mmCIF file of all heavy atoms, coordinates in Angstrom:
data_MODEL
# 
_entry.id   MODEL 
# 
loop_
_atom_site.group_PDB 
_atom_site.id 
_atom_site.type_symbol 
_atom_site.label_atom_id 
_atom_site.label_alt_id 
_atom_site.label_comp_id 
_atom_site.label_asym_id 
_atom_site.label_entity_id 
_atom_site.label_seq_id 
_atom_site.pdbx_PDB_ins_code 
_atom_site.Cartn_x 
_atom_site.Cartn_y 
_atom_site.Cartn_z 
_atom_site.occupancy 
_atom_site.B_iso_or_equiv 
_atom_site.pdbx_formal_charge 
_atom_site.auth_seq_id 
_atom_site.auth_comp_id 
_atom_site.auth_asym_id 
_atom_site.auth_atom_id 
_atom_site.pdbx_PDB_model_num 
ATOM 1   N N   . ASN A 1 1  ? 113.872 102.184 96.785  1.00 0.00 ? 1  ASN A N   1 
ATOM 2   C CA  . ASN A 1 1  ? 113.524 102.646 95.446  1.00 0.00 ? 1  ASN A CA  1 
ATOM 3   C C   . ASN A 1 1  ? 113.645 104.152 95.272  1.00 0.00 ? 1  ASN A C   1 
ATOM 4   O O   . ASN A 1 1  ? 113.382 104.681 94.187  1.00 0.00 ? 1  ASN A O   1 
ATOM 5   C CB  . ASN A 1 1  ? 112.099 102.200 95.103  1.00 0.00 ? 1  ASN A CB  1 
ATOM 6   C CG  . ASN A 1 1  ? 111.948 100.684 95.164  1.00 0.00 ? 1  ASN A CG  1 
ATOM 7   O OD1 . ASN A 1 1  ? 112.532 99.967  94.371  1.00 0.00 ? 1  ASN A OD1 1 
ATOM 8   N ND2 . ASN A 1 1  ? 111.172 100.209 96.125  1.00 0.00 ? 1  ASN A ND2 1 
ATOM 9   N N   . ALA A 1 2  ? 114.042 104.852 96.334  1.00 0.00 ? 2  ALA A N   1 
ATOM 10  C CA  . ALA A 1 2  ? 114.211 106.309 96.256  1.00 0.00 ? 2  ALA A CA  1 
ATOM 11  C C   . ALA A 1 2  ? 115.366 106.654 95.318  1.00 0.00 ? 2  ALA A C   1 
ATOM 12  O O   . ALA A 1 2  ? 116.383 105.956 95.298  1.00 0.00 ? 2  ALA A O   1 
ATOM 13  C CB  . ALA A 1 2  ? 114.477 106.871 97.648  1.00 0.00 ? 2  ALA A CB  1 
ATOM 14  N N   . PRO A 1 3  ? 115.237 107.731 94.531  1.00 0.00 ? 3  PRO A N   1 
ATOM 15  C CA  . PRO A 1 3  ? 116.293 108.095 93.571  1.00 0.00 ? 3  PRO A CA  1 
ATOM 16  C C   . PRO A 1 3  ? 117.660 108.261 94.227  1.00 0.00 ? 3  PRO A C   1 
ATOM 17  O O   . PRO A 1 3  ? 118.673 107.872 93.635  1.00 0.00 ? 3  PRO A O   1 
ATOM 18  C CB  . PRO A 1 3  ? 115.781 109.414 92.985  1.00 0.00 ? 3  PRO A CB  1 
ATOM 19  C CG  . PRO A 1 3  ? 114.301 109.358 93.157  1.00 0.00 ? 3  PRO A CG  1 
ATOM 20  C CD  . PRO A 1 3  ? 114.064 108.609 94.426  1.00 0.00 ? 3  PRO A CD  1 
ATOM 21  N N   . GLU A 1 4  ? 117.705 108.770 95.456  1.00 0.00 ? 4  GLU A N   1 
ATOM 22  C CA  . GLU A 1 4  ? 118.993 108.997 96.093  1.00 0.00 ? 4  GLU A CA  1 
ATOM 23  C C   . GLU A 1 4  ? 119.705 107.679 96.425  1.00 0.00 ? 4  GLU A C   1 
ATOM 24  O O   . GLU A 1 4  ? 120.933 107.594 96.381  1.00 0.00 ? 4  GLU A O   1 
ATOM 25  C CB  . GLU A 1 4  ? 118.849 109.851 97.349  1.00 0.00 ? 4  GLU A CB  1 
ATOM 26  C CG  . GLU A 1 4  ? 117.880 109.333 98.387  1.00 0.00 ? 4  GLU A CG  1 
ATOM 27  C CD  . GLU A 1 4  ? 116.464 109.888 98.205  1.00 0.00 ? 4  GLU A CD  1 
ATOM 28  O OE1 . GLU A 1 4  ? 116.104 110.265 97.069  1.00 0.00 ? 4  GLU A OE1 1 
ATOM 29  O OE2 . GLU A 1 4  ? 115.729 109.933 99.219  1.00 0.00 ? 4  GLU A OE2 1 
ATOM 30  N N   . PHE A 1 5  ? 118.929 106.630 96.754  1.00 0.00 ? 5  PHE A N   1 
ATOM 31  C CA  . PHE A 1 5  ? 119.577 105.352 97.034  1.00 0.00 ? 5  PHE A CA  1 
ATOM 32  C C   . PHE A 1 5  ? 120.081 104.712 95.741  1.00 0.00 ? 5  PHE A C   1 
ATOM 33  O O   . PHE A 1 5  ? 121.182 104.139 95.705  1.00 0.00 ? 5  PHE A O   1 
ATOM 34  C CB  . PHE A 1 5  ? 118.632 104.397 97.758  1.00 0.00 ? 5  PHE A CB  1 
ATOM 35  C CG  . PHE A 1 5  ? 119.279 103.090 98.122  1.00 0.00 ? 5  PHE A CG  1 
ATOM 36  C CD1 . PHE A 1 5  ? 120.284 103.042 99.080  1.00 0.00 ? 5  PHE A CD1 1 
ATOM 37  C CD2 . PHE A 1 5  ? 118.906 101.903 97.494  1.00 0.00 ? 5  PHE A CD2 1 
ATOM 38  C CE1 . PHE A 1 5  ? 120.906 101.834 99.413  1.00 0.00 ? 5  PHE A CE1 1 
ATOM 39  C CE2 . PHE A 1 5  ? 119.524 100.704 97.816  1.00 0.00 ? 5  PHE A CE2 1 
ATOM 40  C CZ  . PHE A 1 5  ? 120.521 100.670 98.780  1.00 0.00 ? 5  PHE A CZ  1 
ATOM 41  N N   . LEU A 1 6  ? 119.306 104.821 94.674  1.00 0.00 ? 6  LEU A N   1 
ATOM 42  C CA  . LEU A 1 6  ? 119.765 104.291 93.386  1.00 0.00 ? 6  LEU A CA  1 
ATOM 43  C C   . LEU A 1 6  ? 121.039 104.994 92.937  1.00 0.00 ? 6  LEU A C   1 
ATOM 44  O O   . LEU A 1 6  ? 121.968 104.354 92.416  1.00 0.00 ? 6  LEU A O   1 
ATOM 45  C CB  . LEU A 1 6  ? 118.669 104.450 92.332  1.00 0.00 ? 6  LEU A CB  1 
ATOM 46  C CG  . LEU A 1 6  ? 117.672 103.283 92.191  1.00 0.00 ? 6  LEU A CG  1 
ATOM 47  C CD1 . LEU A 1 6  ? 116.869 103.086 93.476  1.00 0.00 ? 6  LEU A CD1 1 
ATOM 48  C CD2 . LEU A 1 6  ? 116.732 103.507 91.009  1.00 0.00 ? 6  LEU A CD2 1 
ATOM 49  N N   . GLU A 1 7  ? 121.108 106.299 93.172  1.00 0.00 ? 7  GLU A N   1 
ATOM 50  C CA  . GLU A 1 7  ? 122.302 107.044 92.802  1.00 0.00 ? 7  GLU A CA  1 
ATOM 51  C C   . GLU A 1 7  ? 123.497 106.601 93.639  1.00 0.00 ? 7  GLU A C   1 
ATOM 52  O O   . GLU A 1 7  ? 124.628 106.507 93.130  1.00 0.00 ? 7  GLU A O   1 
ATOM 53  C CB  . GLU A 1 7  ? 122.055 108.545 92.971  1.00 0.00 ? 7  GLU A CB  1 
ATOM 54  C CG  . GLU A 1 7  ? 123.146 109.429 92.396  1.00 0.00 ? 7  GLU A CG  1 
ATOM 55  C CD  . GLU A 1 7  ? 123.312 109.232 90.892  1.00 0.00 ? 7  GLU A CD  1 
ATOM 56  O OE1 . GLU A 1 7  ? 122.310 108.948 90.201  1.00 0.00 ? 7  GLU A OE1 1 
ATOM 57  O OE2 . GLU A 1 7  ? 124.455 109.359 90.419  1.00 0.00 ? 7  GLU A OE2 1 
ATOM 58  N N   . LYS A 1 8  ? 123.257 106.305 94.899  1.00 0.00 ? 8  LYS A N   1 
ATOM 59  C CA  . LYS A 1 8  ? 124.338 105.812 95.776  1.00 0.00 ? 8  LYS A CA  1 
ATOM 60  C C   . LYS A 1 8  ? 124.909 104.516 95.228  1.00 0.00 ? 8  LYS A C   1 
ATOM 61  O O   . LYS A 1 8  ? 126.141 104.336 95.168  1.00 0.00 ? 8  LYS A O   1 
ATOM 62  C CB  . LYS A 1 8  ? 123.790 105.596 97.196  1.00 0.00 ? 8  LYS A CB  1 
ATOM 63  C CG  . LYS A 1 8  ? 124.793 105.001 98.183  1.00 0.00 ? 8  LYS A CG  1 
ATOM 64  C CD  . LYS A 1 8  ? 124.129 104.698 99.510  1.00 0.00 ? 8  LYS A CD  1 
ATOM 65  C CE  . LYS A 1 8  ? 125.102 104.079 100.501 1.00 0.00 ? 8  LYS A CE  1 
ATOM 66  N NZ  . LYS A 1 8  ? 126.058 105.049 101.057 1.00 0.00 ? 8  LYS A NZ  1 
ATOM 67  N N   . LEU A 1 9  ? 124.037 103.605 94.806  1.00 0.00 ? 9  LEU A N   1 
ATOM 68  C CA  . LEU A 1 9  ? 124.505 102.333 94.277  1.00 0.00 ? 9  LEU A CA  1 
ATOM 69  C C   . LEU A 1 9  ? 125.293 102.528 92.982  1.00 0.00 ? 9  LEU A C   1 
ATOM 70  O O   . LEU A 1 9  ? 126.294 101.836 92.748  1.00 0.00 ? 9  LEU A O   1 
ATOM 71  C CB  . LEU A 1 9  ? 123.331 101.384 94.044  1.00 0.00 ? 9  LEU A CB  1 
ATOM 72  C CG  . LEU A 1 9  ? 122.544 100.940 95.293  1.00 0.00 ? 9  LEU A CG  1 
ATOM 73  C CD1 . LEU A 1 9  ? 121.469 99.926  94.906  1.00 0.00 ? 9  LEU A CD1 1 
ATOM 74  C CD2 . LEU A 1 9  ? 123.457 100.362 96.366  1.00 0.00 ? 9  LEU A CD2 1 
ATOM 75  N N   . ARG A 1 10 ? 124.846 103.450 92.154  1.00 0.00 ? 10 ARG A N   1 
ATOM 76  C CA  . ARG A 1 10 ? 125.590 103.736 90.915  1.00 0.00 ? 10 ARG A CA  1 
ATOM 77  C C   . ARG A 1 10 ? 126.985 104.264 91.241  1.00 0.00 ? 10 ARG A C   1 
ATOM 78  O O   . ARG A 1 10 ? 127.983 103.859 90.631  1.00 0.00 ? 10 ARG A O   1 
ATOM 79  C CB  . ARG A 1 10 ? 124.819 104.749 90.064  1.00 0.00 ? 10 ARG A CB  1 
ATOM 80  C CG  . ARG A 1 10 ? 123.537 104.211 89.451  1.00 0.00 ? 10 ARG A CG  1 
ATOM 81  C CD  . ARG A 1 10 ? 122.971 105.185 88.425  1.00 0.00 ? 10 ARG A CD  1 
ATOM 82  N NE  . ARG A 1 10 ? 121.639 104.765 88.000  1.00 0.00 ? 10 ARG A NE  1 
ATOM 83  C CZ  . ARG A 1 10 ? 120.508 105.257 88.485  1.00 0.00 ? 10 ARG A CZ  1 
ATOM 84  N NH1 . ARG A 1 10 ? 120.545 106.201 89.436  1.00 0.00 ? 10 ARG A NH1 1 
ATOM 85  N NH2 . ARG A 1 10 ? 119.347 104.820 88.045  1.00 0.00 ? 10 ARG A NH2 1 
ATOM 86  N N   . ASP A 1 11 ? 127.058 105.171 92.207  1.00 0.00 ? 11 ASP A N   1 
ATOM 87  C CA  . ASP A 1 11 ? 128.348 105.744 92.586  1.00 0.00 ? 11 ASP A CA  1 
ATOM 88  C C   . ASP A 1 11 ? 129.297 104.681 93.147  1.00 0.00 ? 11 ASP A C   1 
ATOM 89  O O   . ASP A 1 11 ? 130.515 104.772 92.969  1.00 0.00 ? 11 ASP A O   1 
ATOM 90  C CB  . ASP A 1 11 ? 128.163 106.858 93.624  1.00 0.00 ? 11 ASP A CB  1 
ATOM 91  C CG  . ASP A 1 11 ? 127.477 108.097 93.039  1.00 0.00 ? 11 ASP A CG  1 
ATOM 92  O OD1 . ASP A 1 11 ? 127.450 108.233 91.793  1.00 0.00 ? 11 ASP A OD1 1 
ATOM 93  O OD2 . ASP A 1 11 ? 126.962 108.913 93.827  1.00 0.00 ? 11 ASP A OD2 1 
ATOM 94  N N   . LEU A 1 12 ? 128.717 103.673 93.829  1.00 0.00 ? 12 LEU A N   1 
ATOM 95  C CA  . LEU A 1 12 ? 129.536 102.599 94.392  1.00 0.00 ? 12 LEU A CA  1 
ATOM 96  C C   . LEU A 1 12 ? 130.006 101.622 93.318  1.00 0.00 ? 12 LEU A C   1 
ATOM 97  O O   . LEU A 1 12 ? 130.904 100.808 93.566  1.00 0.00 ? 12 LEU A O   1 
ATOM 98  C CB  . LEU A 1 12 ? 128.753 101.830 95.461  1.00 0.00 ? 12 LEU A CB  1 
ATOM 99  C CG  . LEU A 1 12 ? 128.512 102.559 96.789  1.00 0.00 ? 12 LEU A CG  1 
ATOM 100 C CD1 . LEU A 1 12 ? 127.530 101.772 97.657  1.00 0.00 ? 12 LEU A CD1 1 
ATOM 101 C CD2 . LEU A 1 12 ? 129.826 102.767 97.531  1.00 0.00 ? 12 LEU A CD2 1 
ATOM 102 N N   . GLY A 1 13 ? 129.401 101.682 92.147  1.00 0.00 ? 13 GLY A N   1 
ATOM 103 C CA  . GLY A 1 13 ? 129.773 100.766 91.069  1.00 0.00 ? 13 GLY A CA  1 
ATOM 104 C C   . GLY A 1 13 ? 129.491 99.316  91.398  1.00 0.00 ? 13 GLY A C   1 
ATOM 105 O O   . GLY A 1 13 ? 130.302 98.433  91.074  1.00 0.00 ? 13 GLY A O   1 
ATOM 106 N N   . ILE A 1 14 ? 128.347 99.061  92.012  1.00 0.00 ? 14 ILE A N   1 
ATOM 107 C CA  . ILE A 1 14 ? 128.046 97.683  92.411  1.00 0.00 ? 14 ILE A CA  1 
ATOM 108 C C   . ILE A 1 14 ? 127.832 96.805  91.181  1.00 0.00 ? 14 ILE A C   1 
ATOM 109 O O   . ILE A 1 14 ? 127.338 97.252  90.144  1.00 0.00 ? 14 ILE A O   1 
ATOM 110 C CB  . ILE A 1 14 ? 126.830 97.594  93.352  1.00 0.00 ? 14 ILE A CB  1 
ATOM 111 C CG1 . ILE A 1 14 ? 125.529 97.872  92.610  1.00 0.00 ? 14 ILE A CG1 1 
ATOM 112 C CG2 . ILE A 1 14 ? 126.977 98.500  94.549  1.00 0.00 ? 14 ILE A CG2 1 
ATOM 113 C CD1 . ILE A 1 14 ? 124.293 97.435  93.365  1.00 0.00 ? 14 ILE A CD1 1 
ATOM 114 N N   . GLU A 1 15 ? 128.194 95.541  91.322  1.00 0.00 ? 15 GLU A N   1 
ATOM 115 C CA  . GLU A 1 15 ? 127.958 94.566  90.266  1.00 0.00 ? 15 GLU A CA  1 
ATOM 116 C C   . GLU A 1 15 ? 126.728 93.713  90.552  1.00 0.00 ? 15 GLU A C   1 
ATOM 117 O O   . GLU A 1 15 ? 126.057 93.239  89.633  1.00 0.00 ? 15 GLU A O   1 
ATOM 118 C CB  . GLU A 1 15 ? 129.176 93.667  90.112  1.00 0.00 ? 15 GLU A CB  1 
ATOM 119 C CG  . GLU A 1 15 ? 130.431 94.402  89.679  1.00 0.00 ? 15 GLU A CG  1 
ATOM 120 C CD  . GLU A 1 15 ? 131.590 93.441  89.546  1.00 0.00 ? 15 GLU A CD  1 
ATOM 121 O OE1 . GLU A 1 15 ? 131.656 92.749  88.510  1.00 0.00 ? 15 GLU A OE1 1 
ATOM 122 O OE2 . GLU A 1 15 ? 132.419 93.389  90.473  1.00 0.00 ? 15 GLU A OE2 1 
ATOM 123 N N   . ILE A 1 16 ? 126.467 93.478  91.816  1.00 0.00 ? 16 ILE A N   1 
ATOM 124 C CA  . ILE A 1 16 ? 125.327 92.649  92.192  1.00 0.00 ? 16 ILE A CA  1 
ATOM 125 C C   . ILE A 1 16 ? 124.757 93.159  93.510  1.00 0.00 ? 16 ILE A C   1 
ATOM 126 O O   . ILE A 1 16 ? 125.494 93.640  94.375  1.00 0.00 ? 16 ILE A O   1 
ATOM 127 C CB  . ILE A 1 16 ? 125.749 91.165  92.296  1.00 0.00 ? 16 ILE A CB  1 
ATOM 128 C CG1 . ILE A 1 16 ? 124.533 90.237  92.262  1.00 0.00 ? 16 ILE A CG1 1 
ATOM 129 C CG2 . ILE A 1 16 ? 126.607 90.913  93.508  1.00 0.00 ? 16 ILE A CG2 1 
ATOM 130 C CD1 . ILE A 1 16 ? 124.896 88.790  91.939  1.00 0.00 ? 16 ILE A CD1 1 
ATOM 131 N N   . LEU A 1 17 ? 123.439 93.082  93.643  1.00 0.00 ? 17 LEU A N   1 
ATOM 132 C CA  . LEU A 1 17 ? 122.764 93.463  94.883  1.00 0.00 ? 17 LEU A CA  1 
ATOM 133 C C   . LEU A 1 17 ? 122.234 92.194  95.530  1.00 0.00 ? 17 LEU A C   1 
ATOM 134 O O   . LEU A 1 17 ? 121.429 91.469  94.923  1.00 0.00 ? 17 LEU A O   1 
ATOM 135 C CB  . LEU A 1 17 ? 121.617 94.435  94.591  1.00 0.00 ? 17 LEU A CB  1 
ATOM 136 C CG  . LEU A 1 17 ? 120.799 94.916  95.798  1.00 0.00 ? 17 LEU A CG  1 
ATOM 137 C CD1 . LEU A 1 17 ? 121.658 95.759  96.730  1.00 0.00 ? 17 LEU A CD1 1 
ATOM 138 C CD2 . LEU A 1 17 ? 119.586 95.717  95.342  1.00 0.00 ? 17 LEU A CD2 1 
ATOM 139 N N   . LEU A 1 18 ? 122.689 91.916  96.738  1.00 0.00 ? 18 LEU A N   1 
ATOM 140 C CA  . LEU A 1 18 ? 122.264 90.728  97.473  1.00 0.00 ? 18 LEU A CA  1 
ATOM 141 C C   . LEU A 1 18 ? 121.179 91.120  98.463  1.00 0.00 ? 18 LEU A C   1 
ATOM 142 O O   . LEU A 1 18 ? 121.347 92.071  99.235  1.00 0.00 ? 18 LEU A O   1 
ATOM 143 C CB  . LEU A 1 18 ? 123.468 90.119  98.205  1.00 0.00 ? 18 LEU A CB  1 
ATOM 144 C CG  . LEU A 1 18 ? 123.180 88.929  99.119  1.00 0.00 ? 18 LEU A CG  1 
ATOM 145 C CD1 . LEU A 1 18 ? 122.619 87.753  98.333  1.00 0.00 ? 18 LEU A CD1 1 
ATOM 146 C CD2 . LEU A 1 18 ? 124.441 88.524  99.876  1.00 0.00 ? 18 LEU A CD2 1 
ATOM 147 N N   . VAL A 1 19 ? 120.063 90.378  98.447  1.00 0.00 ? 19 VAL A N   1 
ATOM 148 C CA  . VAL A 1 19 ? 118.915 90.688  99.296  1.00 0.00 ? 19 VAL A CA  1 
ATOM 149 C C   . VAL A 1 19 ? 118.514 89.434  100.069 1.00 0.00 ? 19 VAL A C   1 
ATOM 150 O O   . VAL A 1 19 ? 118.215 88.398  99.470  1.00 0.00 ? 19 VAL A O   1 
ATOM 151 C CB  . VAL A 1 19 ? 117.719 91.185  98.452  1.00 0.00 ? 19 VAL A CB  1 
ATOM 152 C CG1 . VAL A 1 19 ? 116.554 91.594  99.359  1.00 0.00 ? 19 VAL A CG1 1 
ATOM 153 C CG2 . VAL A 1 19 ? 118.132 92.338  97.542  1.00 0.00 ? 19 VAL A CG2 1 
ATOM 154 N N   . VAL A 1 20 ? 118.489 89.535  101.403 1.00 0.00 ? 20 VAL A N   1 
ATOM 155 C CA  . VAL A 1 20 ? 118.134 88.394  102.255 1.00 0.00 ? 20 VAL A CA  1 
ATOM 156 C C   . VAL A 1 20 ? 117.202 88.873  103.363 1.00 0.00 ? 20 VAL A C   1 
ATOM 157 O O   . VAL A 1 20 ? 117.621 89.647  104.229 1.00 0.00 ? 20 VAL A O   1 
ATOM 158 C CB  . VAL A 1 20 ? 119.387 87.737  102.880 1.00 0.00 ? 20 VAL A CB  1 
ATOM 159 C CG1 . VAL A 1 20 ? 118.975 86.530  103.730 1.00 0.00 ? 20 VAL A CG1 1 
ATOM 160 C CG2 . VAL A 1 20 ? 120.382 87.329  101.808 1.00 0.00 ? 20 VAL A CG2 1 
ATOM 161 N N   . ALA A 1 21 ? 115.935 88.437  103.330 1.00 0.00 ? 21 ALA A N   1 
ATOM 162 C CA  . ALA A 1 21 ? 114.982 88.784  104.394 1.00 0.00 ? 21 ALA A CA  1 
ATOM 163 C C   . ALA A 1 21 ? 115.048 90.270  104.721 1.00 0.00 ? 21 ALA A C   1 
ATOM 164 O O   . ALA A 1 21 ? 115.207 90.663  105.882 1.00 0.00 ? 21 ALA A O   1 
ATOM 165 C CB  . ALA A 1 21 ? 115.264 87.944  105.644 1.00 0.00 ? 21 ALA A CB  1 
ATOM 166 N N   . PHE A 1 22 ? 114.882 91.094  103.699 1.00 0.00 ? 22 PHE A N   1 
ATOM 167 C CA  . PHE A 1 22 ? 115.051 92.538  103.887 1.00 0.00 ? 22 PHE A CA  1 
ATOM 168 C C   . PHE A 1 22 ? 113.760 93.236  104.293 1.00 0.00 ? 22 PHE A C   1 
ATOM 169 O O   . PHE A 1 22 ? 113.743 94.022  105.233 1.00 0.00 ? 22 PHE A O   1 
ATOM 170 C CB  . PHE A 1 22 ? 115.613 93.162  102.610 1.00 0.00 ? 22 PHE A CB  1 
ATOM 171 C CG  . PHE A 1 22 ? 115.714 94.662  102.652 1.00 0.00 ? 22 PHE A CG  1 
ATOM 172 C CD1 . PHE A 1 22 ? 116.436 95.298  103.653 1.00 0.00 ? 22 PHE A CD1 1 
ATOM 173 C CD2 . PHE A 1 22 ? 115.071 95.449  101.701 1.00 0.00 ? 22 PHE A CD2 1 
ATOM 174 C CE1 . PHE A 1 22 ? 116.517 96.684  103.701 1.00 0.00 ? 22 PHE A CE1 1 
ATOM 175 C CE2 . PHE A 1 22 ? 115.151 96.823  101.738 1.00 0.00 ? 22 PHE A CE2 1 
ATOM 176 C CZ  . PHE A 1 22 ? 115.871 97.443  102.740 1.00 0.00 ? 22 PHE A CZ  1 
ATOM 177 N N   . GLY A 1 23 ? 112.670 92.978  103.576 1.00 0.00 ? 23 GLY A N   1 
ATOM 178 C CA  . GLY A 1 23 ? 111.397 93.547  104.003 1.00 0.00 ? 23 GLY A CA  1 
ATOM 179 C C   . GLY A 1 23 ? 110.864 94.707  103.188 1.00 0.00 ? 23 GLY A C   1 
ATOM 180 O O   . GLY A 1 23 ? 109.893 95.343  103.596 1.00 0.00 ? 23 GLY A O   1 
ATOM 181 N N   . GLN A 1 24 ? 111.496 95.007  102.035 1.00 0.00 ? 24 GLN A N   1 
ATOM 182 C CA  . GLN A 1 24 ? 110.945 96.019  101.140 1.00 0.00 ? 24 GLN A CA  1 
ATOM 183 C C   . GLN A 1 24 ? 110.882 95.446  99.731  1.00 0.00 ? 24 GLN A C   1 
ATOM 184 O O   . GLN A 1 24 ? 111.731 94.636  99.337  1.00 0.00 ? 24 GLN A O   1 
ATOM 185 C CB  . GLN A 1 24 ? 111.803 97.294  101.138 1.00 0.00 ? 24 GLN A CB  1 
ATOM 186 C CG  . GLN A 1 24 ? 111.780 98.083  102.428 1.00 0.00 ? 24 GLN A CG  1 
ATOM 187 C CD  . GLN A 1 24 ? 112.556 99.390  102.305 1.00 0.00 ? 24 GLN A CD  1 
ATOM 188 O OE1 . GLN A 1 24 ? 112.638 99.999  101.240 1.00 0.00 ? 24 GLN A OE1 1 
ATOM 189 N NE2 . GLN A 1 24 ? 113.139 99.828  103.412 1.00 0.00 ? 24 GLN A NE2 1 
ATOM 190 N N   . LEU A 1 25 ? 109.892 95.897  98.965  1.00 0.00 ? 25 LEU A N   1 
ATOM 191 C CA  . LEU A 1 25 ? 109.724 95.462  97.584  1.00 0.00 ? 25 LEU A CA  1 
ATOM 192 C C   . LEU A 1 25 ? 110.646 96.262  96.680  1.00 0.00 ? 25 LEU A C   1 
ATOM 193 O O   . LEU A 1 25 ? 110.676 97.491  96.737  1.00 0.00 ? 25 LEU A O   1 
ATOM 194 C CB  . LEU A 1 25 ? 108.269 95.653  97.149  1.00 0.00 ? 25 LEU A CB  1 
ATOM 195 C CG  . LEU A 1 25 ? 107.914 95.226  95.727  1.00 0.00 ? 25 LEU A CG  1 
ATOM 196 C CD1 . LEU A 1 25 ? 108.023 93.711  95.590  1.00 0.00 ? 25 LEU A CD1 1 
ATOM 197 C CD2 . LEU A 1 25 ? 106.501 95.692  95.367  1.00 0.00 ? 25 LEU A CD2 1 
ATOM 198 N N   . LEU A 1 26 ? 111.410 95.576  95.839  1.00 0.00 ? 26 LEU A N   1 
ATOM 199 C CA  . LEU A 1 26 ? 112.305 96.234  94.891  1.00 0.00 ? 26 LEU A CA  1 
ATOM 200 C C   . LEU A 1 26 ? 111.568 96.452  93.572  1.00 0.00 ? 26 LEU A C   1 
ATOM 201 O O   . LEU A 1 26 ? 111.001 95.509  93.010  1.00 0.00 ? 26 LEU A O   1 
ATOM 202 C CB  . LEU A 1 26 ? 113.562 95.385  94.642  1.00 0.00 ? 26 LEU A CB  1 
ATOM 203 C CG  . LEU A 1 26 ? 114.703 95.489  95.664  1.00 0.00 ? 26 LEU A CG  1 
ATOM 204 C CD1 . LEU A 1 26 ? 114.272 95.025  97.042  1.00 0.00 ? 26 LEU A CD1 1 
ATOM 205 C CD2 . LEU A 1 26 ? 115.907 94.678  95.175  1.00 0.00 ? 26 LEU A CD2 1 
# 
């Protein structure tokens, strides 16, 4: 949830985020 990670995802132009047994709350 850190701003820098959200910015990374925006820069990557992701369409979907897949989460499997990750261990952090989104």
